[in-house]
């Protein structure tokens, strides 16, 4: 499928009012940074091994989009949700940079109406993920985000956390995208660091 088709699908899907996981803001850090607490949630996921700057996000997106379009054991269609999470895990346990070897997963949030009776994926590379309650440090920013933008915001977030940064996973990172490629203004991007202690 062509990239222009992906843009069209994203535009149609993400311009509508869509469901997001709910959270509680625990602390404001300033400069569009905060600490959030999320309840348990369910996601549909796919993963690959790659370098950070060479992730095959188009094929990953369509694997998940096919699932919510009916490629599941119930042939059930689901509404698109937000955000699309990309979780980057370092292969060598060192802080991620744009050339790092990583295991990366892309995740779509499962709508709440399907949380307790979630259709099973039928594709081999698609699986369901149950996330427990999470506390995350978040940096939010606009524009069309590049990998460098996410890492710059991650570093600013680590700096804003100060001595509390040791309580968060600053080796790995999660990025969250909320908009279609056709959304030109008021775009929302986030980088998350998970609290680990």
N, C-alpha and C. Protein backbone atom coordinates (compact mmCIF):
# COMPACT_ATOMS: atom_id res chain seq x y z
N UNK A 1 0.84 -1.19 0.00
CA UNK A 1 0.00 0.00 0.00
C UNK A 1 0.88 1.25 0.00
N UNK A 2 0.48 2.26 -0.72
CA UNK A 2 1.30 3.46 -0.83
C UNK A 2 1.22 4.32 0.42
N UNK A 3 2.27 5.13 0.62
CA UNK A 3 2.31 6.02 1.79
C UNK A 3 1.14 6.99 1.78
N UNK A 4 0.72 7.43 0.57
CA UNK A 4 -0.41 8.36 0.48
C UNK A 4 -1.69 7.73 1.00
N UNK A 5 -1.84 6.40 0.82
CA UNK A 5 -3.00 5.69 1.35
C UNK A 5 -2.95 5.68 2.87
N UNK A 6 -1.76 5.46 3.42
CA UNK A 6 -1.59 5.48 4.87
C UNK A 6 -1.97 6.84 5.44
N UNK A 7 -1.54 7.90 4.78
CA UNK A 7 -1.87 9.26 5.23
C UNK A 7 -3.39 9.46 5.21
N UNK A 8 -4.05 8.99 4.15
CA UNK A 8 -5.49 9.15 4.05
C UNK A 8 -6.21 8.40 5.16
N UNK A 9 -5.80 7.16 5.41
CA UNK A 9 -6.43 6.37 6.46
C UNK A 9 -6.23 7.03 7.81
N UNK A 10 -4.99 7.47 8.08
CA UNK A 10 -4.71 8.15 9.35
C UNK A 10 -5.55 9.41 9.48
N UNK A 11 -5.65 10.15 8.39
CA UNK A 11 -6.39 11.41 8.43
C UNK A 11 -7.85 11.17 8.75
N UNK A 12 -8.47 10.21 8.08
CA UNK A 12 -9.88 9.92 8.31
C UNK A 12 -10.08 9.42 9.74
N UNK A 13 -9.19 8.53 10.19
CA UNK A 13 -9.36 7.90 11.49
C UNK A 13 -9.12 8.86 12.64
N UNK A 14 -8.04 9.64 12.57
CA UNK A 14 -7.63 10.42 13.71
C UNK A 14 -8.22 11.82 13.76
N UNK A 15 -8.94 12.22 12.72
CA UNK A 15 -9.60 13.53 12.78
C UNK A 15 -10.93 13.45 13.53
N UNK A 16 -11.42 12.24 13.74
CA UNK A 16 -12.67 12.06 14.46
C UNK A 16 -12.40 12.09 15.96
N UNK A 17 -13.47 12.30 16.73
CA UNK A 17 -13.34 12.23 18.19
C UNK A 17 -13.07 10.78 18.55
N UNK A 18 -11.95 10.51 19.19
CA UNK A 18 -11.56 9.14 19.46
C UNK A 18 -11.22 8.96 20.93
N UNK A 19 -11.29 7.71 21.36
CA UNK A 19 -11.08 7.38 22.76
C UNK A 19 -9.59 7.33 23.09
N UNK A 20 -9.26 7.80 24.28
CA UNK A 20 -7.90 7.74 24.81
C UNK A 20 -7.94 7.14 26.21
N UNK A 21 -6.85 6.53 26.66
CA UNK A 21 -6.81 6.07 28.05
C UNK A 21 -6.86 7.27 29.00
N UNK A 22 -7.54 7.12 30.11
CA UNK A 22 -7.65 8.20 31.08
C UNK A 22 -6.47 8.17 32.04
N UNK A 23 -6.15 9.33 32.60
CA UNK A 23 -5.05 9.42 33.54
C UNK A 23 -5.30 10.54 34.53
N UNK A 24 -4.54 10.50 35.60
CA UNK A 24 -4.56 11.54 36.63
C UNK A 24 -3.21 12.24 36.63
N UNK A 25 -3.22 13.56 36.63
CA UNK A 25 -1.97 14.32 36.72
C UNK A 25 -1.57 14.39 38.19
N UNK A 26 -0.40 13.86 38.52
CA UNK A 26 0.09 13.85 39.89
C UNK A 26 0.92 15.08 40.21
N UNK A 27 1.63 15.59 39.18
CA UNK A 27 2.53 16.73 39.42
C UNK A 27 2.82 17.44 38.11
N UNK A 28 2.81 18.76 38.16
CA UNK A 28 3.24 19.57 37.02
C UNK A 28 4.72 19.91 37.19
N UNK A 29 5.49 19.67 36.14
CA UNK A 29 6.92 19.98 36.19
C UNK A 29 7.26 21.28 35.46
N UNK A 30 6.29 21.86 34.77
CA UNK A 30 6.53 23.06 33.98
C UNK A 30 6.98 22.71 32.58
N UNK A 31 6.91 23.69 31.66
CA UNK A 31 7.34 23.50 30.27
C UNK A 31 6.68 22.30 29.60
N UNK A 32 5.36 22.15 29.82
CA UNK A 32 4.59 21.05 29.22
C UNK A 32 5.09 19.67 29.64
N UNK A 33 5.55 19.57 30.87
CA UNK A 33 5.99 18.30 31.43
C UNK A 33 5.21 18.02 32.70
N UNK A 34 4.88 16.74 32.91
CA UNK A 34 4.11 16.37 34.09
C UNK A 34 4.31 14.90 34.43
N UNK A 35 3.87 14.56 35.64
CA UNK A 35 3.84 13.17 36.07
C UNK A 35 2.39 12.72 36.03
N UNK A 36 2.13 11.59 35.37
CA UNK A 36 0.77 11.06 35.23
C UNK A 36 0.67 9.66 35.81
N UNK A 37 -0.53 9.32 36.25
CA UNK A 37 -0.84 7.97 36.68
C UNK A 37 -1.95 7.43 35.79
N UNK A 38 -1.68 6.32 35.10
CA UNK A 38 -2.64 5.64 34.25
C UNK A 38 -3.14 4.38 34.95
N UNK A 39 -4.42 4.08 34.78
CA UNK A 39 -4.95 2.81 35.25
C UNK A 39 -4.52 1.68 34.33
N UNK A 40 -4.85 0.46 34.68
CA UNK A 40 -4.52 -0.68 33.82
C UNK A 40 -5.24 -0.52 32.48
N UNK A 41 -4.63 -1.01 31.43
CA UNK A 41 -5.19 -0.84 30.09
C UNK A 41 -4.79 -2.01 29.21
N UNK A 42 -5.49 -2.13 28.10
CA UNK A 42 -5.20 -3.21 27.15
C UNK A 42 -4.90 -2.60 25.79
N UNK A 43 -3.92 -3.20 25.10
CA UNK A 43 -3.44 -2.69 23.82
C UNK A 43 -3.28 -3.86 22.85
N UNK A 44 -3.35 -3.57 21.57
CA UNK A 44 -2.96 -4.55 20.56
C UNK A 44 -1.61 -4.09 20.02
N UNK A 45 -0.70 -5.05 19.84
CA UNK A 45 0.70 -4.70 19.62
C UNK A 45 1.33 -5.53 18.51
N UNK A 46 2.40 -5.00 17.97
CA UNK A 46 3.27 -5.73 17.08
C UNK A 46 4.68 -5.23 17.33
N UNK A 47 5.70 -6.03 17.03
CA UNK A 47 7.05 -5.62 17.36
C UNK A 47 8.05 -6.04 16.28
N UNK A 48 9.21 -5.41 16.34
CA UNK A 48 10.30 -5.71 15.40
C UNK A 48 11.61 -5.30 16.05
N UNK A 49 12.70 -5.85 15.54
CA UNK A 49 14.04 -5.43 15.93
C UNK A 49 14.58 -4.51 14.85
N UNK A 50 15.21 -3.41 15.27
CA UNK A 50 15.61 -2.40 14.30
C UNK A 50 16.60 -1.45 14.95
N UNK A 51 17.06 -0.47 14.18
CA UNK A 51 17.69 0.70 14.77
C UNK A 51 16.61 1.75 14.94
N UNK A 52 16.82 2.68 15.85
CA UNK A 52 15.80 3.69 16.15
C UNK A 52 15.41 4.48 14.90
N UNK A 53 16.39 4.82 14.07
CA UNK A 53 16.10 5.67 12.91
C UNK A 53 15.71 4.88 11.66
N UNK A 54 15.45 3.57 11.82
CA UNK A 54 15.10 2.77 10.64
C UNK A 54 13.93 1.82 10.94
N UNK A 55 12.99 2.28 11.75
CA UNK A 55 11.85 1.45 12.13
C UNK A 55 10.85 1.39 10.98
N UNK A 56 10.38 0.19 10.67
CA UNK A 56 9.38 0.01 9.62
C UNK A 56 7.98 0.29 10.12
N UNK A 57 7.72 1.56 10.44
CA UNK A 57 6.46 1.90 11.11
C UNK A 57 5.24 1.74 10.21
N UNK A 58 5.38 1.86 8.90
CA UNK A 58 4.23 1.71 8.01
C UNK A 58 3.69 0.30 8.06
N UNK A 59 4.55 -0.71 7.94
CA UNK A 59 4.09 -2.10 7.98
C UNK A 59 3.54 -2.44 9.36
N UNK A 60 4.15 -1.90 10.42
CA UNK A 60 3.65 -2.14 11.77
C UNK A 60 2.25 -1.54 11.93
N UNK A 61 2.08 -0.32 11.43
CA UNK A 61 0.78 0.34 11.51
C UNK A 61 -0.30 -0.50 10.84
N UNK A 62 -0.02 -1.00 9.63
CA UNK A 62 -1.05 -1.75 8.91
C UNK A 62 -1.35 -3.09 9.56
N UNK A 63 -0.37 -3.70 10.22
CA UNK A 63 -0.66 -4.94 10.96
C UNK A 63 -1.71 -4.68 12.03
N UNK A 64 -1.57 -3.55 12.74
CA UNK A 64 -2.53 -3.21 13.79
C UNK A 64 -3.84 -2.67 13.21
N UNK A 65 -3.74 -1.90 12.14
CA UNK A 65 -4.95 -1.37 11.52
C UNK A 65 -5.81 -2.51 10.97
N UNK A 66 -5.17 -3.54 10.42
CA UNK A 66 -5.93 -4.70 9.93
C UNK A 66 -6.66 -5.38 11.07
N UNK A 67 -6.01 -5.46 12.25
CA UNK A 67 -6.66 -6.07 13.41
C UNK A 67 -7.94 -5.33 13.78
N UNK A 68 -7.88 -4.00 13.89
CA UNK A 68 -9.08 -3.25 14.28
C UNK A 68 -10.09 -3.16 13.14
N UNK A 69 -9.66 -3.53 11.93
CA UNK A 69 -10.57 -3.54 10.78
C UNK A 69 -11.26 -4.89 10.60
N UNK A 70 -10.94 -5.86 11.50
CA UNK A 70 -11.65 -7.14 11.44
C UNK A 70 -10.76 -8.36 11.32
N UNK A 71 -9.44 -8.20 11.28
CA UNK A 71 -8.53 -9.35 11.21
C UNK A 71 -8.32 -9.89 12.62
N UNK A 72 -9.42 -10.42 13.18
CA UNK A 72 -9.40 -11.02 14.52
C UNK A 72 -10.41 -12.16 14.54
N UNK A 73 -10.39 -12.96 15.60
CA UNK A 73 -11.21 -14.17 15.60
C UNK A 73 -12.71 -13.90 15.59
N UNK A 74 -13.12 -12.71 15.96
CA UNK A 74 -14.55 -12.36 15.92
C UNK A 74 -14.93 -11.55 14.68
N UNK A 75 -13.93 -11.28 13.83
CA UNK A 75 -14.15 -10.40 12.67
C UNK A 75 -14.81 -9.08 13.11
N UNK A 76 -14.41 -8.62 14.29
CA UNK A 76 -14.99 -7.43 14.91
C UNK A 76 -14.23 -6.18 14.48
N UNK A 77 -14.95 -5.17 14.03
CA UNK A 77 -14.32 -3.89 13.71
C UNK A 77 -14.35 -3.00 14.95
N UNK A 78 -13.29 -2.23 15.13
CA UNK A 78 -13.18 -1.33 16.27
C UNK A 78 -12.79 0.05 15.78
N UNK A 79 -13.17 1.05 16.56
CA UNK A 79 -12.80 2.42 16.24
C UNK A 79 -11.31 2.64 16.51
N UNK A 80 -10.71 3.54 15.73
CA UNK A 80 -9.33 3.95 15.98
C UNK A 80 -9.30 4.72 17.30
N UNK A 81 -8.21 4.53 18.05
CA UNK A 81 -8.01 5.22 19.32
C UNK A 81 -6.70 6.00 19.26
N UNK A 82 -6.41 6.67 20.35
CA UNK A 82 -5.13 7.38 20.47
C UNK A 82 -4.66 7.24 21.92
N UNK A 83 -3.37 7.34 22.14
CA UNK A 83 -2.32 7.56 21.16
C UNK A 83 -1.85 6.25 20.52
N UNK A 84 -1.06 6.38 19.48
CA UNK A 84 -0.27 5.26 18.98
C UNK A 84 1.05 5.31 19.75
N UNK A 85 1.29 4.26 20.54
CA UNK A 85 2.51 4.20 21.35
C UNK A 85 3.59 3.43 20.61
N UNK A 86 4.80 3.97 20.66
CA UNK A 86 5.99 3.26 20.17
C UNK A 86 6.92 3.08 21.37
N UNK A 87 7.16 1.83 21.74
CA UNK A 87 8.02 1.55 22.89
C UNK A 87 9.37 1.04 22.38
N UNK A 88 10.42 1.79 22.73
CA UNK A 88 11.78 1.45 22.30
C UNK A 88 12.55 0.87 23.49
N UNK A 89 13.05 -0.37 23.33
CA UNK A 89 13.83 -1.01 24.38
C UNK A 89 15.24 -1.26 23.86
N UNK A 90 16.20 -0.75 24.60
CA UNK A 90 17.60 -0.86 24.21
C UNK A 90 18.05 -2.31 24.22
N UNK A 91 18.82 -2.70 23.19
CA UNK A 91 19.35 -4.06 23.11
C UNK A 91 20.58 -4.25 23.99
N UNK A 92 21.31 -3.16 24.26
CA UNK A 92 22.56 -3.29 25.03
C UNK A 92 22.47 -2.60 26.40
N UNK A 93 21.25 -2.22 26.79
CA UNK A 93 21.01 -1.61 28.10
C UNK A 93 21.75 -0.29 28.30
N UNK A 94 21.95 0.44 27.20
CA UNK A 94 22.50 1.78 27.28
C UNK A 94 21.46 2.76 26.75
N UNK A 95 21.56 4.00 27.19
CA UNK A 95 20.58 5.03 26.83
C UNK A 95 20.42 5.12 25.31
N UNK A 96 19.18 5.12 24.87
CA UNK A 96 18.88 5.07 23.44
C UNK A 96 19.29 6.35 22.73
N UNK A 97 19.97 6.19 21.59
CA UNK A 97 20.21 7.28 20.67
C UNK A 97 19.68 6.86 19.30
N UNK A 98 19.80 7.72 18.30
CA UNK A 98 19.13 7.44 17.03
C UNK A 98 19.71 6.24 16.28
N UNK A 99 20.91 5.80 16.65
CA UNK A 99 21.51 4.65 15.99
C UNK A 99 21.45 3.38 16.83
N UNK A 100 20.79 3.45 17.98
CA UNK A 100 20.73 2.30 18.88
C UNK A 100 19.99 1.13 18.26
N UNK A 101 20.49 -0.08 18.55
CA UNK A 101 19.75 -1.29 18.22
C UNK A 101 18.67 -1.48 19.28
N UNK A 102 17.43 -1.63 18.83
CA UNK A 102 16.32 -1.69 19.77
C UNK A 102 15.33 -2.77 19.37
N UNK A 103 14.57 -3.20 20.36
CA UNK A 103 13.33 -3.93 20.12
C UNK A 103 12.23 -2.88 20.24
N UNK A 104 11.45 -2.74 19.19
CA UNK A 104 10.43 -1.69 19.18
C UNK A 104 9.06 -2.31 18.99
N UNK A 105 8.10 -1.83 19.79
CA UNK A 105 6.72 -2.28 19.61
C UNK A 105 5.84 -1.08 19.32
N UNK A 106 4.87 -1.30 18.44
CA UNK A 106 3.83 -0.30 18.18
C UNK A 106 2.55 -0.83 18.80
N UNK A 107 1.78 0.08 19.42
CA UNK A 107 0.62 -0.32 20.19
C UNK A 107 -0.58 0.59 19.95
N UNK A 108 -1.75 0.00 19.72
CA UNK A 108 -3.02 0.71 19.65
C UNK A 108 -3.80 0.41 20.93
N UNK A 109 -4.37 1.43 21.53
CA UNK A 109 -5.21 1.26 22.71
C UNK A 109 -6.52 0.56 22.33
N UNK A 110 -6.89 -0.48 23.11
CA UNK A 110 -8.15 -1.19 22.86
C UNK A 110 -9.30 -0.39 23.45
N UNK A 111 -10.35 -0.10 22.67
CA UNK A 111 -11.48 0.66 23.21
C UNK A 111 -12.05 -0.02 24.45
N UNK A 112 -12.53 0.79 25.38
CA UNK A 112 -12.98 0.27 26.68
C UNK A 112 -14.08 -0.76 26.54
N UNK A 113 -14.92 -0.66 25.52
CA UNK A 113 -16.02 -1.62 25.38
C UNK A 113 -15.52 -3.03 25.06
N UNK A 114 -14.27 -3.15 24.62
CA UNK A 114 -13.70 -4.46 24.29
C UNK A 114 -12.66 -4.93 25.31
N UNK A 115 -12.48 -4.18 26.38
CA UNK A 115 -11.40 -4.51 27.33
C UNK A 115 -11.60 -5.87 27.99
N UNK A 116 -12.84 -6.21 28.35
CA UNK A 116 -13.08 -7.47 29.06
C UNK A 116 -13.33 -8.65 28.13
N UNK A 117 -13.63 -8.38 26.89
CA UNK A 117 -13.89 -9.45 25.92
C UNK A 117 -13.21 -9.07 24.60
N UNK A 118 -11.89 -9.10 24.62
CA UNK A 118 -11.11 -8.59 23.50
C UNK A 118 -10.93 -9.65 22.42
N UNK A 119 -11.29 -9.35 21.17
CA UNK A 119 -11.04 -10.30 20.09
C UNK A 119 -9.56 -10.65 19.97
N UNK A 120 -9.29 -11.90 19.66
CA UNK A 120 -7.91 -12.36 19.52
C UNK A 120 -7.39 -12.08 18.11
N UNK A 121 -6.16 -11.60 18.00
CA UNK A 121 -5.58 -11.39 16.67
C UNK A 121 -5.43 -12.71 15.91
N UNK A 122 -5.52 -12.64 14.60
CA UNK A 122 -5.31 -13.82 13.77
C UNK A 122 -3.95 -13.78 13.06
N UNK A 123 -3.32 -12.63 12.99
CA UNK A 123 -1.99 -12.53 12.36
C UNK A 123 -0.91 -12.98 13.35
N UNK A 124 0.12 -13.63 12.85
CA UNK A 124 1.19 -14.15 13.70
C UNK A 124 1.97 -13.07 14.43
N UNK A 125 2.09 -11.91 13.83
CA UNK A 125 2.94 -10.85 14.41
C UNK A 125 2.15 -9.83 15.23
N UNK A 126 0.91 -10.15 15.57
CA UNK A 126 0.05 -9.24 16.33
C UNK A 126 -0.39 -9.95 17.61
N UNK A 127 -0.36 -9.24 18.72
CA UNK A 127 -0.69 -9.85 20.01
C UNK A 127 -1.30 -8.80 20.93
N UNK A 128 -1.97 -9.26 21.97
CA UNK A 128 -2.57 -8.36 22.95
C UNK A 128 -1.61 -8.14 24.11
N UNK A 129 -1.61 -6.91 24.63
CA UNK A 129 -0.75 -6.54 25.76
C UNK A 129 -1.60 -5.93 26.87
N UNK A 130 -1.47 -6.48 28.06
CA UNK A 130 -2.12 -5.90 29.24
C UNK A 130 -1.09 -5.07 29.98
N UNK A 131 -1.34 -3.77 30.06
CA UNK A 131 -0.45 -2.89 30.82
C UNK A 131 -1.02 -2.70 32.22
N UNK A 132 -0.19 -2.88 33.24
CA UNK A 132 -0.67 -2.62 34.60
C UNK A 132 -0.78 -1.11 34.83
N UNK A 133 -1.23 -0.75 36.01
CA UNK A 133 -1.24 0.67 36.39
C UNK A 133 0.17 1.22 36.23
N UNK A 134 0.29 2.39 35.63
CA UNK A 134 1.60 2.99 35.34
C UNK A 134 1.67 4.42 35.85
N UNK A 135 2.84 4.79 36.35
CA UNK A 135 3.16 6.19 36.57
C UNK A 135 4.25 6.56 35.58
N UNK A 136 4.03 7.62 34.83
CA UNK A 136 4.98 8.03 33.80
C UNK A 136 5.29 9.51 33.89
N UNK A 137 6.53 9.86 33.59
CA UNK A 137 6.90 11.26 33.39
C UNK A 137 6.71 11.54 31.91
N UNK A 138 6.09 12.68 31.59
CA UNK A 138 5.70 12.97 30.21
C UNK A 138 6.16 14.36 29.80
N UNK A 139 6.71 14.46 28.60
CA UNK A 139 6.98 15.75 27.97
C UNK A 139 6.10 15.84 26.72
N UNK A 140 5.34 16.92 26.63
CA UNK A 140 4.41 17.11 25.52
C UNK A 140 4.91 18.25 24.63
N UNK A 141 4.77 18.07 23.30
CA UNK A 141 5.22 19.11 22.38
C UNK A 141 4.46 19.00 21.07
N UNK A 142 4.53 20.03 20.26
CA UNK A 142 3.79 20.08 19.01
C UNK A 142 4.66 19.82 17.80
N UNK A 143 4.10 20.09 16.63
CA UNK A 143 4.83 19.96 15.39
C UNK A 143 4.86 18.54 14.86
N UNK A 144 5.61 18.36 13.78
CA UNK A 144 5.83 17.04 13.20
C UNK A 144 7.10 16.48 13.81
N UNK A 145 6.95 15.51 14.68
CA UNK A 145 8.06 15.05 15.51
C UNK A 145 8.98 14.08 14.76
N UNK A 146 10.28 14.32 14.89
CA UNK A 146 11.29 13.39 14.39
C UNK A 146 11.86 12.61 15.57
N UNK A 147 12.65 11.60 15.28
CA UNK A 147 13.31 10.84 16.34
C UNK A 147 14.18 11.77 17.17
N UNK A 148 14.88 12.69 16.52
CA UNK A 148 15.73 13.64 17.25
C UNK A 148 14.91 14.51 18.19
N UNK A 149 13.71 14.92 17.75
CA UNK A 149 12.83 15.72 18.61
C UNK A 149 12.45 14.95 19.87
N UNK A 150 12.08 13.69 19.68
CA UNK A 150 11.70 12.88 20.84
C UNK A 150 12.86 12.73 21.81
N UNK A 151 14.05 12.51 21.30
CA UNK A 151 15.20 12.31 22.19
C UNK A 151 15.60 13.62 22.87
N UNK A 152 15.46 14.74 22.17
CA UNK A 152 15.73 16.05 22.79
C UNK A 152 14.75 16.31 23.93
N UNK A 153 13.47 16.02 23.71
CA UNK A 153 12.47 16.20 24.75
C UNK A 153 12.68 15.21 25.90
N UNK A 154 13.10 13.99 25.56
CA UNK A 154 13.40 13.02 26.62
C UNK A 154 14.50 13.54 27.52
N UNK A 155 15.56 14.08 26.92
CA UNK A 155 16.68 14.58 27.71
C UNK A 155 16.27 15.77 28.57
N UNK A 156 15.40 16.63 28.01
CA UNK A 156 14.90 17.76 28.80
C UNK A 156 14.03 17.27 29.96
N UNK A 157 13.28 16.21 29.72
CA UNK A 157 12.45 15.63 30.77
C UNK A 157 13.31 15.04 31.89
N UNK A 158 14.36 14.34 31.52
CA UNK A 158 15.28 13.79 32.53
C UNK A 158 15.87 14.91 33.37
N UNK A 159 16.25 16.00 32.69
CA UNK A 159 16.81 17.15 33.40
C UNK A 159 15.78 17.76 34.35
N UNK A 160 14.52 17.87 33.89
CA UNK A 160 13.47 18.45 34.72
C UNK A 160 13.16 17.59 35.94
N UNK A 161 13.35 16.29 35.82
CA UNK A 161 13.12 15.40 36.95
C UNK A 161 14.18 15.54 38.03
N UNK A 162 15.36 16.02 37.65
CA UNK A 162 16.43 16.22 38.62
C UNK A 162 16.81 14.94 39.33
N UNK A 163 16.92 14.98 40.64
CA UNK A 163 17.34 13.80 41.40
C UNK A 163 16.29 12.68 41.35
N UNK A 164 15.05 13.03 41.01
CA UNK A 164 14.00 12.01 40.89
C UNK A 164 14.14 11.18 39.61
N UNK A 165 15.02 11.58 38.70
CA UNK A 165 15.20 10.84 37.45
C UNK A 165 15.62 9.40 37.69
N UNK A 166 16.31 9.16 38.81
CA UNK A 166 16.77 7.79 39.10
C UNK A 166 15.60 6.84 39.35
N UNK A 167 14.42 7.39 39.60
CA UNK A 167 13.23 6.55 39.81
C UNK A 167 12.53 6.19 38.50
N UNK A 168 13.03 6.70 37.37
CA UNK A 168 12.41 6.47 36.07
C UNK A 168 13.37 5.76 35.14
N UNK A 169 12.81 5.00 34.20
CA UNK A 169 13.61 4.29 33.20
C UNK A 169 14.06 5.30 32.15
N UNK A 170 15.30 5.74 32.25
CA UNK A 170 15.83 6.72 31.30
C UNK A 170 16.68 6.06 30.21
N UNK A 171 16.78 4.73 30.24
CA UNK A 171 17.48 4.00 29.18
C UNK A 171 16.55 3.78 28.00
N UNK A 172 15.35 3.31 28.28
CA UNK A 172 14.34 3.06 27.25
C UNK A 172 13.38 4.24 27.18
N UNK A 173 12.55 4.27 26.15
CA UNK A 173 11.58 5.37 26.05
C UNK A 173 10.35 4.93 25.28
N UNK A 174 9.27 5.66 25.52
CA UNK A 174 8.02 5.46 24.80
C UNK A 174 7.65 6.79 24.14
N UNK A 175 7.24 6.73 22.89
CA UNK A 175 6.73 7.91 22.22
C UNK A 175 5.23 7.72 21.97
N UNK A 176 4.50 8.81 22.02
CA UNK A 176 3.04 8.77 21.83
C UNK A 176 2.65 9.80 20.80
N UNK A 177 1.97 9.35 19.75
CA UNK A 177 1.49 10.24 18.70
C UNK A 177 -0.03 10.26 18.68
N UNK A 178 -0.62 11.44 18.58
CA UNK A 178 -2.06 11.60 18.70
C UNK A 178 -2.73 12.07 17.41
N UNK A 179 -1.97 12.42 16.38
CA UNK A 179 -2.56 13.08 15.21
C UNK A 179 -2.27 12.34 13.92
N UNK A 180 -3.15 12.58 12.95
CA UNK A 180 -2.89 12.08 11.60
C UNK A 180 -1.83 12.94 10.92
N UNK A 181 -1.18 12.42 9.88
CA UNK A 181 -0.19 13.22 9.16
C UNK A 181 -0.77 14.48 8.53
N UNK A 182 -2.10 14.54 8.30
CA UNK A 182 -2.71 15.71 7.70
C UNK A 182 -3.06 16.80 8.70
N UNK A 183 -2.91 16.53 9.98
CA UNK A 183 -3.16 17.56 10.98
C UNK A 183 -1.98 18.52 11.00
N UNK A 184 -2.22 19.76 10.58
CA UNK A 184 -1.13 20.72 10.42
C UNK A 184 -0.89 21.56 11.66
N UNK A 185 -1.94 21.80 12.45
CA UNK A 185 -1.81 22.69 13.59
C UNK A 185 -2.24 21.98 14.87
N UNK A 186 -1.75 22.50 15.99
CA UNK A 186 -2.10 21.97 17.31
C UNK A 186 -1.82 20.47 17.42
N UNK A 187 -0.70 20.06 16.87
CA UNK A 187 -0.33 18.65 16.95
C UNK A 187 0.13 18.30 18.36
N UNK A 188 -0.06 17.05 18.72
CA UNK A 188 0.30 16.58 20.06
C UNK A 188 1.22 15.37 19.96
N UNK A 189 2.41 15.54 20.47
CA UNK A 189 3.39 14.45 20.57
C UNK A 189 3.84 14.37 22.01
N UNK A 190 4.19 13.18 22.46
CA UNK A 190 4.68 13.01 23.83
C UNK A 190 5.80 11.99 23.87
N UNK A 191 6.68 12.15 24.84
CA UNK A 191 7.65 11.11 25.19
C UNK A 191 7.40 10.76 26.64
N UNK A 192 7.40 9.45 26.94
CA UNK A 192 7.11 8.95 28.28
C UNK A 192 8.33 8.21 28.84
N UNK A 193 8.55 8.39 30.12
CA UNK A 193 9.51 7.58 30.88
C UNK A 193 8.74 6.92 32.01
N UNK A 194 8.86 5.59 32.11
CA UNK A 194 8.09 4.83 33.09
C UNK A 194 8.78 4.87 34.46
N UNK A 195 7.99 5.09 35.50
CA UNK A 195 8.53 5.03 36.86
C UNK A 195 8.78 3.58 37.22
N UNK A 196 10.00 3.29 37.70
CA UNK A 196 10.38 1.93 37.99
C UNK A 196 10.60 1.66 39.47
N UNK A 197 10.65 2.73 40.28
CA UNK A 197 10.80 2.51 41.73
C UNK A 197 10.30 3.72 42.50
